[in-house]
């Protein structure tokens, strides 16, 4: 599994669970893909090999902390989502 595939799995899962997901379809746009929870108080940014978390009121990337390196790797998170999806299917 590549990091891009892992990001996609995680973003699909978040979107299915009520998060607003903004994906970067144009690589020249230099936008960082991100997802915002339903309350608008948490945003996850998907960069390279890490996911960064920003909390309200400072949802900008410059205020985000690295979430996946601190808690669990992206690939482990994506695998856990895949397992969960198989059990509920």
C-alpha atoms as a PDB file:
ATOM      1  CA  UNK A   1       0.000   0.000   0.000  1.00  0.00           C
ATOM      2  CA  UNK A   2       1.357   3.423  -0.945  1.00  0.00           C
ATOM      3  CA  UNK A   3       0.893   6.558   1.157  1.00  0.00           C
ATOM      4  CA  UNK A   4      -1.364   7.976  -1.566  1.00  0.00           C
ATOM      5  CA  UNK A   5      -3.564   4.857  -1.360  1.00  0.00           C
ATOM      6  CA  UNK A   6      -3.617   5.063   2.443  1.00  0.00           C
ATOM      7  CA  UNK A   7      -4.615   8.741   2.301  1.00  0.00           C
ATOM      8  CA  UNK A   8      -7.421   7.877  -0.113  1.00  0.00           C
ATOM      9  CA  UNK A   9      -8.749   5.080   2.142  1.00  0.00           C
ATOM     10  CA  UNK A  10      -8.740   7.384   5.169  1.00  0.00           C
ATOM     11  CA  UNK A  11     -10.347  10.298   3.300  1.00  0.00           C
ATOM     12  CA  UNK A  12     -13.054   8.011   1.861  1.00  0.00           C
ATOM     13  CA  UNK A  13     -13.798   6.744   5.385  1.00  0.00           C
ATOM     14  CA  UNK A  14     -13.980  10.265   6.820  1.00  0.00           C
ATOM     15  CA  UNK A  15     -16.264  11.413   4.003  1.00  0.00           C
ATOM     16  CA  UNK A  16     -18.572   8.436   4.564  1.00  0.00           C
ATOM     17  CA  UNK A  17     -18.779   9.470   8.218  1.00  0.00           C
ATOM     18  CA  UNK A  18     -19.867  13.075   7.712  1.00  0.00           C
ATOM     19  CA  UNK A  19     -16.550  14.882   7.227  1.00  0.00           C
ATOM     20  CA  UNK A  20     -16.134  17.435   4.434  1.00  0.00           C
ATOM     21  CA  UNK A  21     -13.181  16.308   2.322  1.00  0.00           C
ATOM     22  CA  UNK A  22     -11.256  18.584  -0.062  1.00  0.00           C
ATOM     23  CA  UNK A  23      -9.002  16.602  -2.392  1.00  0.00           C
ATOM     24  CA  UNK A  24      -6.271  18.030  -4.583  1.00  0.00           C
ATOM     25  CA  UNK A  25      -7.198  16.964  -8.107  1.00  0.00           C
ATOM     26  CA  UNK A  26      -4.833  19.423  -9.736  1.00  0.00           C
ATOM     27  CA  UNK A  27      -1.277  18.788  -8.569  1.00  0.00           C
ATOM     28  CA  UNK A  28      -0.160  22.199  -9.919  1.00  0.00           C
ATOM     29  CA  UNK A  29      -2.616  23.951  -7.594  1.00  0.00           C
ATOM     30  CA  UNK A  30      -0.348  23.097  -4.644  1.00  0.00           C
ATOM     31  CA  UNK A  31      -3.360  22.734  -2.340  1.00  0.00           C
ATOM     32  CA  UNK A  32      -3.013  20.371   0.597  1.00  0.00           C
ATOM     33  CA  UNK A  33      -5.861  17.818   0.747  1.00  0.00           C
ATOM     34  CA  UNK A  34      -7.787  18.114   3.997  1.00  0.00           C
ATOM     35  CA  UNK A  35     -10.901  16.945   5.822  1.00  0.00           C
ATOM     36  CA  UNK A  36     -13.011  18.938   8.291  1.00  0.00           C
ATOM     37  CA  UNK A  37     -15.334  17.275  10.795  1.00  0.00           C
ATOM     38  CA  UNK A  38     -19.062  18.054  10.860  1.00  0.00           C
ATOM     39  CA  UNK A  39     -18.755  20.550  13.729  1.00  0.00           C
ATOM     40  CA  UNK A  40     -15.958  22.408  11.925  1.00  0.00           C
ATOM     41  CA  UNK A  41     -13.743  22.195  14.989  1.00  0.00           C
ATOM     42  CA  UNK A  42     -11.150  19.719  13.683  1.00  0.00           C
ATOM     43  CA  UNK A  43      -9.279  19.543  10.387  1.00  0.00           C
ATOM     44  CA  UNK A  44      -6.909  16.861   9.136  1.00  0.00           C
ATOM     45  CA  UNK A  45      -4.301  17.739   6.491  1.00  0.00           C
ATOM     46  CA  UNK A  46      -2.835  14.994   4.301  1.00  0.00           C
ATOM     47  CA  UNK A  47       0.799  15.731   3.422  1.00  0.00           C
ATOM     48  CA  UNK A  48       3.348  13.231   2.160  1.00  0.00           C
ATOM     49  CA  UNK A  49       3.792  10.496   4.729  1.00  0.00           C
ATOM     50  CA  UNK A  50       1.946  12.221   7.555  1.00  0.00           C
ATOM     51  CA  UNK A  51      -1.444  13.489   8.599  1.00  0.00           C
ATOM     52  CA  UNK A  52      -1.553  16.762  10.523  1.00  0.00           C
ATOM     53  CA  UNK A  53      -4.354  17.776  12.907  1.00  0.00           C
ATOM     54  CA  UNK A  54      -5.520  21.336  13.542  1.00  0.00           C
ATOM     55  CA  UNK A  55      -8.125  22.248  16.151  1.00  0.00           C
ATOM     56  CA  UNK A  56     -10.457  25.266  16.308  1.00  0.00           C
ATOM     57  CA  UNK A  57     -10.077  28.162  16.431  1.00  0.00           C
ATOM     58  CA  UNK A  58      -6.766  27.698  14.533  1.00  0.00           C
ATOM     59  CA  UNK A  59      -7.613  25.376  11.637  1.00  0.00           C
ATOM     60  CA  UNK A  60      -4.789  26.536   9.351  1.00  0.00           C
ATOM     61  CA  UNK A  61      -2.005  24.122   8.434  1.00  0.00           C
ATOM     62  CA  UNK A  62       0.595  26.312  10.141  1.00  0.00           C
ATOM     63  CA  UNK A  63      -1.117  25.544  13.485  1.00  0.00           C
ATOM     64  CA  UNK A  64      -1.466  21.790  12.875  1.00  0.00           C
ATOM     65  CA  UNK A  65       0.495  19.117  14.713  1.00  0.00           C
ATOM     66  CA  UNK A  66       1.632  15.870  13.188  1.00  0.00           C
ATOM     67  CA  UNK A  67      -0.924  13.264  14.168  1.00  0.00           C
ATOM     68  CA  UNK A  68       0.188  10.033  12.524  1.00  0.00           C
ATOM     69  CA  UNK A  69       3.827  10.062  13.561  1.00  0.00           C
ATOM     70  CA  UNK A  70       2.784  10.769  17.135  1.00  0.00           C
ATOM     71  CA  UNK A  71       0.115   8.075  17.420  1.00  0.00           C
ATOM     72  CA  UNK A  72      -0.009   5.554  14.587  1.00  0.00           C
ATOM     73  CA  UNK A  73       1.330   5.284  11.042  1.00  0.00           C
ATOM     74  CA  UNK A  74      -0.899   6.183   8.097  1.00  0.00           C
ATOM     75  CA  UNK A  75      -0.683   2.678   6.689  1.00  0.00           C
ATOM     76  CA  UNK A  76      -1.730   1.126  10.030  1.00  0.00           C
ATOM     77  CA  UNK A  77      -4.683   3.513  10.209  1.00  0.00           C
ATOM     78  CA  UNK A  78      -5.758   2.666   6.640  1.00  0.00           C
ATOM     79  CA  UNK A  79      -5.467  -1.087   7.329  1.00  0.00           C
ATOM     80  CA  UNK A  80      -7.630  -0.715  10.455  1.00  0.00           C
ATOM     81  CA  UNK A  81     -10.295   1.086   8.408  1.00  0.00           C
ATOM     82  CA  UNK A  82     -10.196  -1.644   5.750  1.00  0.00           C
ATOM     83  CA  UNK A  83     -10.632  -4.339   8.435  1.00  0.00           C
ATOM     84  CA  UNK A  84     -13.541  -2.456   9.968  1.00  0.00           C
ATOM     85  CA  UNK A  85     -15.188  -2.020   6.575  1.00  0.00           C
ATOM     86  CA  UNK A  86     -14.893  -5.753   5.845  1.00  0.00           C
ATOM     87  CA  UNK A  87     -16.521  -6.627   9.172  1.00  0.00           C
ATOM     88  CA  UNK A  88     -19.459  -4.287   8.604  1.00  0.00           C
ATOM     89  CA  UNK A  89     -19.980  -5.221   4.936  1.00  0.00           C
END
